[in-house]
């Protein structure tokens, strides 16, 4: 059975299926980024902005784990904002 036949029998169109797929994809990514941000907020007991200030104040001492977490957190926050 061809895709066109399946869509016709189910009363759907390609546009409807693509729209639903896009919505599900963005909701999945949004959930992932929200969870990631929540994990960092819990881990550091601070908001991203507060953590950014903490990192900037530690100019002379390096903590690669915190810096890596900050970059991951910043990416997740940007992606989350993009999705909404």
C-alpha atoms as a PDB file:
ATOM      1  CA  UNK A   1       0.000   0.000   0.000  1.00  0.00           C
ATOM      2  CA  UNK A   2       1.335   3.429  -0.933  1.00  0.00           C
ATOM      3  CA  UNK A   3       1.539   6.345   1.496  1.00  0.00           C
ATOM      4  CA  UNK A   4      -0.998   8.309  -0.539  1.00  0.00           C
ATOM      5  CA  UNK A   5      -3.478   5.445  -0.164  1.00  0.00           C
ATOM      6  CA  UNK A   6      -2.952   5.260   3.583  1.00  0.00           C
ATOM      7  CA  UNK A   7      -3.453   9.006   3.942  1.00  0.00           C
ATOM      8  CA  UNK A   8      -6.596   8.874   1.835  1.00  0.00           C
ATOM      9  CA  UNK A   9      -8.069   5.978   3.858  1.00  0.00           C
ATOM     10  CA  UNK A  10      -7.340   7.753   7.155  1.00  0.00           C
ATOM     11  CA  UNK A  11      -8.667  11.099   5.954  1.00  0.00           C
ATOM     12  CA  UNK A  12      -5.358  12.862   6.357  1.00  0.00           C
ATOM     13  CA  UNK A  13      -3.238  14.952   4.041  1.00  0.00           C
ATOM     14  CA  UNK A  14       0.529  15.211   3.743  1.00  0.00           C
ATOM     15  CA  UNK A  15       0.331  18.722   5.150  1.00  0.00           C
ATOM     16  CA  UNK A  16      -1.586  17.530   8.222  1.00  0.00           C
ATOM     17  CA  UNK A  17       0.865  14.711   8.879  1.00  0.00           C
ATOM     18  CA  UNK A  18       3.903  16.974   8.439  1.00  0.00           C
ATOM     19  CA  UNK A  19       2.401  19.610  10.736  1.00  0.00           C
ATOM     20  CA  UNK A  20       1.690  17.024  13.440  1.00  0.00           C
ATOM     21  CA  UNK A  21       5.185  15.612  13.101  1.00  0.00           C
ATOM     22  CA  UNK A  22       6.743  19.075  13.385  1.00  0.00           C
ATOM     23  CA  UNK A  23       4.666  19.863  16.480  1.00  0.00           C
ATOM     24  CA  UNK A  24       5.616  16.588  18.169  1.00  0.00           C
ATOM     25  CA  UNK A  25       9.279  17.112  17.324  1.00  0.00           C
ATOM     26  CA  UNK A  26       9.379  20.628  18.773  1.00  0.00           C
ATOM     27  CA  UNK A  27       7.472  19.562  21.907  1.00  0.00           C
ATOM     28  CA  UNK A  28       9.915  16.719  22.453  1.00  0.00           C
ATOM     29  CA  UNK A  29      12.897  19.053  22.117  1.00  0.00           C
ATOM     30  CA  UNK A  30      11.276  21.682  24.321  1.00  0.00           C
ATOM     31  CA  UNK A  31      10.689  19.092  27.039  1.00  0.00           C
ATOM     32  CA  UNK A  32      14.302  17.932  26.803  1.00  0.00           C
ATOM     33  CA  UNK A  33      15.701  21.464  27.096  1.00  0.00           C
ATOM     34  CA  UNK A  34      13.367  22.342  29.977  1.00  0.00           C
ATOM     35  CA  UNK A  35      14.470  19.206  31.830  1.00  0.00           C
ATOM     36  CA  UNK A  36      18.126  19.983  31.208  1.00  0.00           C
ATOM     37  CA  UNK A  37      17.730  23.535  32.522  1.00  0.00           C
ATOM     38  CA  UNK A  38      15.861  22.254  35.591  1.00  0.00           C
ATOM     39  CA  UNK A  39      18.677  19.792  36.343  1.00  0.00           C
ATOM     40  CA  UNK A  40      21.282  22.556  36.258  1.00  0.00           C
ATOM     41  CA  UNK A  41      19.108  24.851  38.394  1.00  0.00           C
ATOM     42  CA  UNK A  42      18.783  22.082  40.970  1.00  0.00           C
ATOM     43  CA  UNK A  43      22.463  21.119  40.796  1.00  0.00           C
ATOM     44  CA  UNK A  44      23.713  24.672  41.370  1.00  0.00           C
ATOM     45  CA  UNK A  45      20.764  26.046  43.348  1.00  0.00           C
ATOM     46  CA  UNK A  46      20.688  29.113  41.147  1.00  0.00           C
ATOM     47  CA  UNK A  47      19.234  30.571  38.001  1.00  0.00           C
ATOM     48  CA  UNK A  48      21.289  30.669  34.831  1.00  0.00           C
ATOM     49  CA  UNK A  49      21.905  34.400  35.289  1.00  0.00           C
ATOM     50  CA  UNK A  50      23.109  33.930  38.879  1.00  0.00           C
ATOM     51  CA  UNK A  51      25.356  31.083  37.830  1.00  0.00           C
ATOM     52  CA  UNK A  52      26.732  33.210  34.978  1.00  0.00           C
ATOM     53  CA  UNK A  53      27.657  35.888  37.538  1.00  0.00           C
ATOM     54  CA  UNK A  54      29.354  33.286  39.739  1.00  0.00           C
ATOM     55  CA  UNK A  55      31.409  32.025  36.800  1.00  0.00           C
ATOM     56  CA  UNK A  56      32.414  35.559  35.799  1.00  0.00           C
ATOM     57  CA  UNK A  57      33.521  36.355  39.367  1.00  0.00           C
ATOM     58  CA  UNK A  58      35.859  33.351  39.352  1.00  0.00           C
ATOM     59  CA  UNK A  59      38.055  34.832  36.635  1.00  0.00           C
ATOM     60  CA  UNK A  60      41.364  33.687  38.183  1.00  0.00           C
ATOM     61  CA  UNK A  61      40.312  30.181  39.132  1.00  0.00           C
ATOM     62  CA  UNK A  62      39.182  27.667  36.576  1.00  0.00           C
ATOM     63  CA  UNK A  63      36.679  24.935  37.186  1.00  0.00           C
ATOM     64  CA  UNK A  64      36.268  23.099  33.926  1.00  0.00           C
ATOM     65  CA  UNK A  65      33.266  21.128  35.144  1.00  0.00           C
ATOM     66  CA  UNK A  66      31.369  24.298  36.059  1.00  0.00           C
ATOM     67  CA  UNK A  67      32.401  26.030  32.847  1.00  0.00           C
ATOM     68  CA  UNK A  68      31.277  23.044  30.770  1.00  0.00           C
ATOM     69  CA  UNK A  69      28.002  22.909  32.682  1.00  0.00           C
ATOM     70  CA  UNK A  70      27.526  26.627  32.122  1.00  0.00           C
ATOM     71  CA  UNK A  71      28.014  26.266  28.367  1.00  0.00           C
ATOM     72  CA  UNK A  72      25.615  23.290  28.240  1.00  0.00           C
ATOM     73  CA  UNK A  73      23.088  25.151  30.375  1.00  0.00           C
ATOM     74  CA  UNK A  74      23.367  28.281  28.255  1.00  0.00           C
ATOM     75  CA  UNK A  75      22.812  26.224  25.087  1.00  0.00           C
ATOM     76  CA  UNK A  76      19.793  24.439  26.582  1.00  0.00           C
ATOM     77  CA  UNK A  77      18.317  27.765  27.701  1.00  0.00           C
ATOM     78  CA  UNK A  78      18.818  29.332  24.266  1.00  0.00           C
ATOM     79  CA  UNK A  79      17.298  26.305  22.546  1.00  0.00           C
ATOM     80  CA  UNK A  80      14.373  26.288  24.980  1.00  0.00           C
ATOM     81  CA  UNK A  81      13.707  29.961  24.276  1.00  0.00           C
ATOM     82  CA  UNK A  82      13.940  29.344  20.543  1.00  0.00           C
ATOM     83  CA  UNK A  83      11.351  26.573  20.766  1.00  0.00           C
ATOM     84  CA  UNK A  84       8.812  28.757  22.517  1.00  0.00           C
END
